[in-house]
Amino acid sequence: MTDTTLSYEDLTALIAGIFRKAGMGASQAAAMAGVIAAGERDGAKSHGIYRIEGCLRTIKAGKAAADAVPVQAEDDGTAIVRVNAGGGFAPPAFALAAPVLAVRARKLGLAAMVVNDCTHFSALWHEAETMASFGLATMVMCPSYATVAPAGGTKPLLGTNPFAFAWPRIGKHPYVFDFATSVAARGEIELHRRAGKPLPEGWALDAEGRPTTDPEAALAGSMLPFGDHKGSAISTMIELLAGIMLGDLTSQGALDRLGGTTTLLPGHGELVLAFSPERFAAGRPGDPTARAEQLFEAILGQGARLPGQRRALARAKATSKGITLSETEMAQLARLGDLGLEAV
């Protein structure tokens, strides 16, 4: 089979064409395509082109609006920047309000972006890294749909509920981590299913609440939180902060909205918190940027690695040599581009 190598820009344009075919406007399609192409560029295959079909299925089912135009609420002078995705996807809404959030956080020291009525499909490191590029430390979180049993439970109630953090670094890739509060992202279980591979022990329960390594049984049952009660508590926090506090859906509400199916993407809210290290450290000795670098150097000095380093290395390689897709992957992109919603 013949592989194809594309630049990040060319892959972004190719994916954007698929979303334009599905009814998105140029800016919405560009925002979506940029996030997906970044997944491929950074070696995160579970958040790359694999995600396109799920987006198209959700549009076709009427659970996400392809033509939605995000609207930023009138400025009320507070630290909260509000944007409504209008039932569309999260990336276009985030892209609209990110510069405003950056200005507000630098001015006040701390600001929050509240995204309501959005459909989430991707990792959150994109949002965290974007805000770090403005020199801001950032936390990002959102619910999902109920696919995770709470610690000690046997039935889905919580979402995979991702959480991301980024710390800005001058001239370097930011310190950034992004993880699901479940043992693994749901996309990882789906990839195991497609590959016919068993799951590691401790990832999931079947529909009867029994431990399983069968991806099919796991997808019909529930995933488990990482770290037992610790991951369960963090996941519950995200339900409260990025669901209930925003006046938006919890993971159970998102699943109910979809009629109980997990074949479509969930709709809910998203919370982005941005901090100005300089404003927080004002009047105290030492530069927070320099002190952070001392901490990072101490970590690296022990032979440990910083989160995000693997993605940074993959990005550097893809930037110089391109992003390689298989013949099968290219054929699928061509099919989606030709048929649009009729392909799913």
Foldseek 3Di string as FASTA:
>chain_A
DDKDFDALVVQLVLQLLLLVLQPADNLVSSQQSNQQSLCLLLVNPLFHPVQSVQLLVCCVVVQAPRHFQKDWDDDPPDLETEIERRRHADRSRLVVCLVVNLVSCVVPQKHKYKYWNHFYGHWCVVSQQVSLVSQWKKKKKAWWAFFEAAQVGQATDGGLIKMKIWGHAPPDRTQMDIGGQFPHHLSVLVVCQVVVHFADWQFAAFCVRHTGRHSVRRNNGHTYGPPRNVSSVVRVVNQVVFAVVSVWHGNHRQCVVVVNDPSHTGTIMMMMMIGNQCVVCPPHDDDVNVVVVVVQVVCVVVVHHGPPPSSVVSNVCCNVPGRMDRPVVVVVSVQSSVQRSNVD
